[in-house]
């Protein structure tokens, strides 16, 4: 989960997502504007994933771990599919 969180964080905050999806021939401002919406939606999944991850670590419940992993994958999936659409 830490690796999934790191991948999501680098994609959003280090500019990996913008580099991957906005490196085409159009002006970067237009693509970055569309990616802002994608990042906002993905952030909702990431917040849920963070809460589930912390809850799973504090309570040692395996079911919460599964839900946390699914939420992180959802955050990454929204970022990827949204980036493809934003292109």
Protein backbone atom coordinates (compact mmCIF):
# COMPACT_ATOMS: atom_id res chain seq x y z
CA UNK A 1 0.00 0.00 0.00
CA UNK A 2 2.89 2.33 0.65
CA UNK A 3 4.13 1.75 -2.88
CA UNK A 4 0.68 2.38 -4.34
CA UNK A 5 0.42 5.57 -2.28
CA UNK A 6 3.88 6.65 -3.44
CA UNK A 7 3.00 5.99 -7.08
CA UNK A 8 -0.20 7.99 -6.75
CA UNK A 9 1.56 10.82 -4.93
CA UNK A 10 4.33 11.07 -7.49
CA UNK A 11 1.82 10.96 -10.33
CA UNK A 12 -0.16 13.82 -8.81
CA UNK A 13 2.33 16.00 -6.96
CA UNK A 14 5.61 15.37 -8.79
CA UNK A 15 4.08 15.91 -12.21
CA UNK A 16 4.36 12.37 -13.53
CA UNK A 17 0.70 12.43 -14.61
CA UNK A 18 1.08 15.71 -16.47
CA UNK A 19 4.25 14.48 -18.13
CA UNK A 20 2.61 11.23 -19.19
CA UNK A 21 -0.66 12.62 -20.51
CA UNK A 22 0.08 16.23 -21.47
CA UNK A 23 3.28 15.87 -23.47
CA UNK A 24 1.49 16.02 -26.84
CA UNK A 25 1.29 18.85 -29.33
CA UNK A 26 -1.44 20.91 -27.65
CA UNK A 27 -0.77 23.78 -25.23
CA UNK A 28 0.08 22.38 -21.79
CA UNK A 29 -2.36 24.73 -20.03
CA UNK A 30 -5.39 23.13 -21.72
CA UNK A 31 -4.40 19.59 -20.81
CA UNK A 32 -3.38 20.63 -17.30
CA UNK A 33 -6.83 22.14 -16.80
CA UNK A 34 -8.50 18.87 -17.73
CA UNK A 35 -6.08 16.91 -15.55
CA UNK A 36 -7.04 19.05 -12.56
CA UNK A 37 -10.53 17.54 -12.61
CA UNK A 38 -9.09 14.03 -12.98
CA UNK A 39 -6.76 14.62 -10.04
CA UNK A 40 -9.64 15.91 -7.91
CA UNK A 41 -11.72 12.78 -8.55
CA UNK A 42 -8.72 10.55 -7.98
CA UNK A 43 -8.02 12.39 -4.73
CA UNK A 44 -11.40 11.29 -3.37
CA UNK A 45 -10.38 7.67 -3.85
CA UNK A 46 -6.99 8.40 -2.32
CA UNK A 47 -8.54 9.92 0.80
CA UNK A 48 -10.74 6.85 1.27
CA UNK A 49 -7.72 4.62 0.67
CA UNK A 50 -5.68 6.52 3.24
CA UNK A 51 -8.38 6.21 5.88
CA UNK A 52 -8.80 2.50 5.16
CA UNK A 53 -5.04 1.95 5.26
CA UNK A 54 -4.66 3.66 8.62
CA UNK A 55 -7.68 1.80 9.97
CA UNK A 56 -6.31 -1.52 8.76
CA UNK A 57 -2.91 -0.89 10.33
CA UNK A 58 -4.41 0.18 13.65
CA UNK A 59 -6.96 -2.62 13.94
CA UNK A 60 -5.10 -5.42 12.12
CA UNK A 61 -8.18 -6.39 10.10
CA UNK A 62 -7.40 -8.17 6.87
CA UNK A 63 -10.68 -7.15 5.25
CA UNK A 64 -9.77 -3.47 5.62
CA UNK A 65 -6.43 -4.18 3.94
CA UNK A 66 -8.24 -5.63 0.94
CA UNK A 67 -10.53 -2.60 0.76
CA UNK A 68 -7.57 -0.25 1.11
CA UNK A 69 -5.72 -1.93 -1.75
CA UNK A 70 -8.86 -1.76 -3.90
CA UNK A 71 -9.25 1.95 -3.10
CA UNK A 72 -5.61 2.67 -4.01
CA UNK A 73 -6.05 0.79 -7.26
CA UNK A 74 -9.23 2.78 -7.88
CA UNK A 75 -7.32 6.04 -7.34
CA UNK A 76 -4.64 4.92 -9.77
CA UNK A 77 -7.25 3.69 -12.25
CA UNK A 78 -9.16 6.96 -12.21
CA UNK A 79 -5.89 8.81 -12.75
CA UNK A 80 -4.93 6.59 -15.69
CA UNK A 81 -8.33 6.45 -17.43
CA UNK A 82 -8.95 10.13 -16.77
CA UNK A 83 -5.53 10.96 -18.17
CA UNK A 84 -6.26 8.99 -21.30
CA UNK A 85 -9.55 10.86 -21.72
CA UNK A 86 -7.86 14.22 -21.01
CA UNK A 87 -5.39 13.57 -23.81
